Amino acid sequence: MALLSNNFYERSWMRTKKASLVTGSSTGIGFETSIAVARNRFYTYATTHKLQNSDIITEIARREQLPQEVLHFDVNNDN
């Protein structure tokens, strides 16, 4: 789910030009890091290998209007 479609996110990122890539964002340290970094106005690519587990982080980003995009990214798969 791409949250960049809202102009708020585009303007926010364009002002800061800071971005972050966080793996393992559906749970644990990756989840907490993704939220913390986005709350500090970094455009955050929150990645997870199971998109079906990204509902909570997606809802938090939407509700708080965080500059965050949740993406599928499997670091264990070469394909």
Protein backbone atom coordinates (compact mmCIF):
# COMPACT_ATOMS: atom_id res chain seq x y z
CA MET A 1 0.00 0.00 0.00
CA ALA A 2 1.56 3.26 -1.10
CA LEU A 3 0.76 6.23 1.08
CA LEU A 4 2.63 8.67 -1.16
CA SER A 5 -0.48 9.45 -3.19
CA ASN A 6 -1.56 12.08 -0.66
CA ASN A 7 0.01 15.49 -1.36
CA PHE A 8 0.76 15.91 2.36
CA TYR A 9 3.34 13.15 2.18
CA GLU A 10 4.91 14.54 -0.96
CA ARG A 11 5.26 18.02 0.54
CA SER A 12 6.59 16.65 3.83
CA TRP A 13 9.27 14.60 2.13
CA MET A 14 10.17 17.33 -0.33
CA ARG A 15 10.85 19.73 2.56
CA THR A 16 13.10 17.36 4.50
CA LYS A 17 14.52 15.18 1.70
CA LYS A 18 15.33 12.59 4.35
CA ALA A 19 14.47 8.97 3.71
CA SER A 20 14.87 5.72 5.60
CA LEU A 21 14.59 2.04 4.70
CA VAL A 22 13.64 -0.24 7.60
CA THR A 23 13.38 -4.01 7.22
CA GLY A 24 11.23 -6.26 9.39
CA SER A 25 8.68 -3.52 9.97
CA SER A 26 5.66 -5.67 10.79
CA THR A 27 6.85 -6.60 14.32
CA GLY A 28 9.39 -5.95 17.04
CA ILE A 29 12.33 -3.59 16.67
CA GLY A 30 11.67 -3.04 12.96
CA PHE A 31 8.09 -1.98 13.71
CA GLU A 32 9.10 0.43 16.48
CA THR A 33 11.98 1.82 14.41
CA SER A 34 9.75 2.45 11.37
CA ILE A 35 7.22 4.37 13.44
CA ALA A 36 9.86 6.37 15.33
CA VAL A 37 11.74 7.35 12.17
CA ALA A 38 8.54 8.38 10.35
CA ARG A 39 7.44 10.42 13.36
CA ASN A 40 10.71 12.31 12.99
CA ARG A 41 9.61 13.27 9.45
CA PHE A 42 11.85 10.90 7.48
CA TYR A 43 10.03 9.45 4.49
CA THR A 44 10.12 5.83 5.62
CA TYR A 45 10.04 2.72 3.48
CA ALA A 46 8.80 0.18 6.00
CA THR A 47 9.44 -3.25 4.51
CA THR A 48 8.10 -6.63 5.48
CA HIS A 49 8.28 -10.09 3.93
CA LYS A 50 4.58 -10.71 4.75
CA LEU A 51 2.36 -7.85 3.64
CA GLN A 52 -0.63 -9.47 5.36
CA ASN A 53 1.09 -8.59 8.68
CA SER A 54 1.35 -4.89 7.87
CA ASP A 55 -2.18 -3.82 8.86
CA ILE A 56 -1.20 -2.25 12.18
CA ILE A 57 1.74 -0.20 10.89
CA THR A 58 -0.30 0.90 7.88
CA GLU A 59 -3.16 2.05 10.12
CA ILE A 60 -0.82 3.98 12.44
CA ALA A 61 0.81 5.72 9.47
CA ARG A 62 -2.59 6.63 8.05
CA ARG A 63 -4.05 7.83 11.34
CA GLU A 64 -0.99 9.96 12.24
CA GLN A 65 -0.40 11.04 8.63
CA LEU A 66 3.16 9.76 8.75
CA PRO A 67 5.38 9.94 5.66
CA GLN A 68 5.60 6.17 5.36
CA GLU A 69 5.15 3.56 2.66
CA VAL A 70 4.84 -0.15 3.44
CA LEU A 71 6.48 -2.43 0.88
CA HIS A 72 7.04 -6.15 0.37
CA PHE A 73 10.74 -6.92 0.67
CA ASP A 74 12.14 -10.37 1.42
CA VAL A 75 15.83 -10.16 2.32
CA ASN A 76 16.08 -13.97 2.20
CA ASN A 77 14.91 -14.27 -1.43
CA ASP A 78 17.31 -13.61 -4.33
CA ASN A 79 14.47 -13.45 -6.89
